[in-house]
């Protein structure tokens, strides 16, 4: 999955159906797209 920023940057989130993403990686991805980890999970 890819998330695009208004300024043109993009963040790619791995999506391997059924496999968990390491919590540290989730926090880093959320920070990259300007969300908290909780907001990321609520809006995925």
Protein backbone atom coordinates (compact mmCIF):
# COMPACT_ATOMS: atom_id res chain seq x y z
CA UNK A 1 0.00 0.00 0.00
CA UNK A 2 1.27 3.48 -0.74
CA UNK A 3 0.44 6.71 1.02
CA UNK A 4 1.14 9.96 -0.81
CA UNK A 5 1.92 13.28 0.84
CA UNK A 6 0.57 16.55 -0.52
CA UNK A 7 4.17 17.64 -1.20
CA UNK A 8 4.80 14.63 -3.49
CA UNK A 9 6.57 12.26 -1.08
CA UNK A 10 5.30 8.69 -0.77
CA UNK A 11 5.49 6.04 1.97
CA UNK A 12 5.12 2.35 1.15
CA UNK A 13 3.58 0.03 3.74
CA UNK A 14 4.18 -3.72 3.37
CA UNK A 15 0.98 -5.74 3.06
CA UNK A 16 1.62 -9.48 3.29
CA UNK A 17 -1.87 -10.77 4.08
CA UNK A 18 -1.99 -12.45 7.45
CA UNK A 19 1.54 -11.51 8.52
CA UNK A 20 2.11 -8.97 11.28
CA UNK A 21 4.19 -5.83 10.88
CA UNK A 22 6.79 -5.28 13.61
CA UNK A 23 5.42 -2.60 16.01
CA UNK A 24 8.51 -0.39 15.65
CA UNK A 25 8.01 -0.34 11.87
CA UNK A 26 4.35 0.63 12.33
CA UNK A 27 5.37 3.59 14.50
CA UNK A 28 7.99 4.68 11.95
CA UNK A 29 5.54 4.44 9.06
CA UNK A 30 2.88 6.36 11.00
CA UNK A 31 5.39 9.08 11.87
CA UNK A 32 6.43 9.30 8.17
CA UNK A 33 2.83 9.98 7.13
CA UNK A 34 2.09 12.33 10.01
CA UNK A 35 -0.11 10.07 12.16
CA UNK A 36 0.16 8.34 15.50
CA UNK A 37 0.25 4.53 15.39
CA UNK A 38 -3.32 4.49 16.72
CA UNK A 39 -4.51 6.87 13.97
CA UNK A 40 -2.72 4.74 11.37
CA UNK A 41 -4.55 1.57 12.48
CA UNK A 42 -7.89 3.38 12.66
CA UNK A 43 -7.48 4.74 9.11
CA UNK A 44 -5.90 1.81 7.29
